[in-house]
Amino acid sequence: MANTKRMLTETDRHSSTRLSSVARQDAVRRAPCTGDIYARTSALIEAIDNVAELLTGDREYFWLEPSTNRHFKVSVR
């Protein structure tokens, strides 16, 4: 294989980001909690996060936002 860098167009970045997002969500949802498949799925998710960092500059691009309740306030005494 040739050792050349490929230039990604904005369309390439958008398509790759969308595909990676779907693959990551599916892997997180369907992976069993133990065993070899879990280890390999974790490696796949790690690789997708690395691709997200290359495409967007943010490794946590596909990570879910923490759920919050805006109406809940903690009282401090």
N, C-alpha and C. Protein backbone atom coordinates (compact mmCIF):
# COMPACT_ATOMS: atom_id res chain seq x y z
N MET A 1 0.83 -1.18 0.00
CA MET A 1 0.00 0.00 0.00
C MET A 1 0.88 1.24 0.00
N ALA A 2 0.40 2.25 -0.64
CA ALA A 2 1.13 3.52 -0.70
C ALA A 2 1.01 4.24 0.62
N ASN A 3 2.04 4.96 0.95
CA ASN A 3 2.06 5.74 2.19
C ASN A 3 1.66 7.18 1.90
N THR A 4 0.39 7.41 1.60
CA THR A 4 -0.08 8.75 1.30
C THR A 4 -1.19 9.13 2.26
N LYS A 5 -1.35 10.42 2.45
CA LYS A 5 -2.42 10.91 3.30
C LYS A 5 -3.62 11.23 2.43
N ARG A 6 -4.77 10.84 2.90
CA ARG A 6 -6.00 11.13 2.17
C ARG A 6 -6.63 12.38 2.73
N MET A 7 -7.03 13.26 1.85
CA MET A 7 -7.71 14.48 2.27
C MET A 7 -9.20 14.19 2.36
N LEU A 8 -9.79 14.47 3.50
CA LEU A 8 -11.21 14.24 3.68
C LEU A 8 -11.98 15.52 3.36
N THR A 9 -13.00 15.37 2.54
CA THR A 9 -13.87 16.50 2.27
C THR A 9 -14.88 16.62 3.40
N GLU A 10 -15.62 17.69 3.43
CA GLU A 10 -16.64 17.88 4.46
C GLU A 10 -17.72 16.79 4.35
N THR A 11 -18.03 16.38 3.13
CA THR A 11 -19.00 15.30 2.93
C THR A 11 -18.46 13.99 3.50
N ASP A 12 -17.17 13.72 3.29
CA ASP A 12 -16.55 12.51 3.85
C ASP A 12 -16.63 12.53 5.38
N ARG A 13 -16.31 13.68 5.95
CA ARG A 13 -16.33 13.79 7.42
C ARG A 13 -17.75 13.57 7.95
N HIS A 14 -18.73 14.17 7.29
CA HIS A 14 -20.12 14.04 7.75
C HIS A 14 -20.57 12.58 7.65
N SER A 15 -20.30 11.93 6.53
CA SER A 15 -20.69 10.53 6.35
C SER A 15 -19.99 9.61 7.34
N SER A 16 -18.72 9.83 7.53
CA SER A 16 -17.95 9.00 8.47
C SER A 16 -18.42 9.20 9.90
N THR A 17 -18.73 10.43 10.25
CA THR A 17 -19.20 10.73 11.60
C THR A 17 -20.55 10.07 11.84
N ARG A 18 -21.46 10.16 10.87
CA ARG A 18 -22.79 9.56 11.01
C ARG A 18 -22.67 8.04 11.13
N LEU A 19 -21.87 7.42 10.29
CA LEU A 19 -21.69 5.97 10.31
C LEU A 19 -21.06 5.52 11.63
N SER A 20 -20.06 6.24 12.09
CA SER A 20 -19.40 5.90 13.35
C SER A 20 -20.37 6.03 14.53
N SER A 21 -21.22 7.03 14.49
CA SER A 21 -22.19 7.23 15.56
C SER A 21 -23.15 6.05 15.65
N VAL A 22 -23.66 5.63 14.52
CA VAL A 22 -24.60 4.49 14.50
C VAL A 22 -23.91 3.22 14.97
N ALA A 23 -22.69 2.98 14.51
CA ALA A 23 -21.95 1.78 14.91
C ALA A 23 -21.66 1.78 16.40
N ARG A 24 -21.28 2.93 16.95
CA ARG A 24 -20.96 3.01 18.38
C ARG A 24 -22.20 2.79 19.22
N GLN A 25 -23.31 3.43 18.86
CA GLN A 25 -24.55 3.27 19.61
C GLN A 25 -25.00 1.81 19.61
N ASP A 26 -24.90 1.16 18.46
CA ASP A 26 -25.31 -0.23 18.35
C ASP A 26 -24.40 -1.13 19.19
N ALA A 27 -23.10 -0.86 19.16
CA ALA A 27 -22.16 -1.67 19.94
C ALA A 27 -22.41 -1.52 21.44
N VAL A 28 -22.68 -0.30 21.88
CA VAL A 28 -22.92 -0.07 23.30
C VAL A 28 -24.22 -0.75 23.73
N ARG A 29 -25.23 -0.68 22.91
CA ARG A 29 -26.54 -1.25 23.25
C ARG A 29 -26.55 -2.77 23.29
N ARG A 30 -25.84 -3.41 22.38
CA ARG A 30 -25.99 -4.86 22.21
C ARG A 30 -24.86 -5.69 22.82
N ALA A 31 -23.83 -5.07 23.32
CA ALA A 31 -22.70 -5.84 23.85
C ALA A 31 -23.07 -6.54 25.15
N PRO A 32 -22.71 -7.81 25.27
CA PRO A 32 -22.92 -8.49 26.56
C PRO A 32 -21.96 -7.93 27.60
N CYS A 33 -22.24 -8.15 28.84
CA CYS A 33 -21.48 -7.53 29.93
C CYS A 33 -20.20 -8.27 30.29
N THR A 34 -19.96 -9.45 29.75
CA THR A 34 -18.77 -10.22 30.12
C THR A 34 -18.18 -10.93 28.91
N GLY A 35 -16.99 -11.43 29.12
CA GLY A 35 -16.39 -12.32 28.14
C GLY A 35 -15.60 -11.63 27.04
N ASP A 36 -15.21 -12.46 26.09
CA ASP A 36 -14.37 -12.03 24.98
C ASP A 36 -15.08 -11.02 24.09
N ILE A 37 -16.37 -11.21 23.89
CA ILE A 37 -17.12 -10.28 23.04
C ILE A 37 -17.13 -8.89 23.67
N TYR A 38 -17.26 -8.83 24.99
CA TYR A 38 -17.23 -7.54 25.69
C TYR A 38 -15.88 -6.85 25.47
N ALA A 39 -14.80 -7.60 25.60
CA ALA A 39 -13.46 -7.02 25.41
C ALA A 39 -13.28 -6.51 23.99
N ARG A 40 -13.73 -7.26 23.02
CA ARG A 40 -13.60 -6.84 21.62
C ARG A 40 -14.52 -5.66 21.30
N THR A 41 -15.70 -5.64 21.90
CA THR A 41 -16.60 -4.51 21.70
C THR A 41 -16.02 -3.25 22.31
N SER A 42 -15.39 -3.39 23.47
CA SER A 42 -14.73 -2.24 24.10
C SER A 42 -13.62 -1.70 23.20
N ALA A 43 -12.87 -2.59 22.57
CA ALA A 43 -11.81 -2.17 21.65
C ALA A 43 -12.41 -1.46 20.43
N LEU A 44 -13.54 -1.96 19.95
CA LEU A 44 -14.23 -1.31 18.82
C LEU A 44 -14.69 0.09 19.19
N ILE A 45 -15.27 0.24 20.37
CA ILE A 45 -15.73 1.56 20.84
C ILE A 45 -14.54 2.50 20.99
N GLU A 46 -13.43 1.99 21.49
CA GLU A 46 -12.20 2.79 21.62
C GLU A 46 -11.73 3.27 20.24
N ALA A 47 -11.78 2.38 19.25
CA ALA A 47 -11.36 2.75 17.90
C ALA A 47 -12.30 3.80 17.30
N ILE A 48 -13.59 3.66 17.55
CA ILE A 48 -14.55 4.65 17.04
C ILE A 48 -14.31 6.00 17.70
N ASP A 49 -13.99 6.02 18.99
CA ASP A 49 -13.68 7.28 19.67
C ASP A 49 -12.41 7.92 19.09
N ASN A 50 -11.45 7.09 18.70
CA ASN A 50 -10.24 7.61 18.06
C ASN A 50 -10.56 8.25 16.70
N VAL A 51 -11.45 7.61 15.95
CA VAL A 51 -11.88 8.17 14.66
C VAL A 51 -12.61 9.49 14.88
N ALA A 52 -13.45 9.54 15.90
CA ALA A 52 -14.17 10.78 16.22
C ALA A 52 -13.19 11.91 16.51
N GLU A 53 -12.12 11.58 17.22
CA GLU A 53 -11.11 12.60 17.53
C GLU A 53 -10.44 13.10 16.26
N LEU A 54 -10.15 12.21 15.32
CA LEU A 54 -9.54 12.62 14.06
C LEU A 54 -10.48 13.48 13.22
N LEU A 55 -11.77 13.11 13.20
CA LEU A 55 -12.73 13.81 12.36
C LEU A 55 -13.19 15.14 12.95
N THR A 56 -13.37 15.18 14.27
CA THR A 56 -13.98 16.35 14.89
C THR A 56 -13.06 17.10 15.84
N GLY A 57 -11.97 16.45 16.25
CA GLY A 57 -11.09 17.06 17.24
C GLY A 57 -11.55 16.81 18.67
N ASP A 58 -12.66 16.09 18.84
CA ASP A 58 -13.22 15.81 20.16
C ASP A 58 -13.41 14.31 20.31
N ARG A 59 -12.60 13.71 21.17
CA ARG A 59 -12.66 12.27 21.39
C ARG A 59 -14.00 11.85 21.99
N GLU A 60 -14.64 12.74 22.72
CA GLU A 60 -15.90 12.43 23.39
C GLU A 60 -17.11 12.87 22.58
N TYR A 61 -16.95 13.03 21.29
CA TYR A 61 -18.00 13.53 20.41
C TYR A 61 -19.28 12.69 20.49
N PHE A 62 -19.15 11.38 20.58
CA PHE A 62 -20.31 10.49 20.60
C PHE A 62 -20.79 10.13 22.00
N TRP A 63 -20.12 10.60 23.03
CA TRP A 63 -20.50 10.26 24.39
C TRP A 63 -21.81 10.93 24.73
N LEU A 64 -22.62 10.25 25.49
CA LEU A 64 -23.91 10.81 25.90
C LEU A 64 -23.70 11.90 26.94
N GLU A 65 -24.54 12.90 26.86
CA GLU A 65 -24.53 13.94 27.89
C GLU A 65 -25.11 13.36 29.17
N PRO A 66 -24.63 13.81 30.33
CA PRO A 66 -25.21 13.30 31.57
C PRO A 66 -26.66 13.76 31.69
N SER A 67 -27.49 12.88 32.20
CA SER A 67 -28.88 13.28 32.36
C SER A 67 -28.99 14.16 33.60
N THR A 68 -29.76 15.20 33.47
CA THR A 68 -29.95 16.12 34.59
C THR A 68 -31.43 16.46 34.70
N ASN A 69 -31.80 16.90 35.85
CA ASN A 69 -33.14 17.39 36.07
C ASN A 69 -33.01 18.85 36.44
N ARG A 70 -33.39 19.72 35.55
CA ARG A 70 -33.21 21.16 35.77
C ARG A 70 -34.04 21.67 36.94
N HIS A 71 -35.09 20.95 37.28
CA HIS A 71 -35.99 21.43 38.34
C HIS A 71 -35.55 20.96 39.71
N PHE A 72 -34.61 20.05 39.75
CA PHE A 72 -34.14 19.51 41.03
C PHE A 72 -33.01 20.38 41.55
N LYS A 73 -33.17 20.87 42.76
CA LYS A 73 -32.13 21.69 43.38
C LYS A 73 -31.72 21.06 44.69
N VAL A 74 -30.45 21.02 44.94
CA VAL A 74 -29.93 20.46 46.18
C VAL A 74 -29.86 21.58 47.20
N SER A 75 -30.44 21.36 48.34
CA SER A 75 -30.35 22.38 49.38
C SER A 75 -29.12 22.11 50.23
N VAL A 76 -28.36 23.13 50.47
CA VAL A 76 -27.14 23.02 51.27
C VAL A 76 -27.42 23.65 52.62
N ARG A 77 -27.13 22.93 53.67
CA ARG A 77 -27.40 23.46 55.01
C ARG A 77 -26.14 23.91 55.67
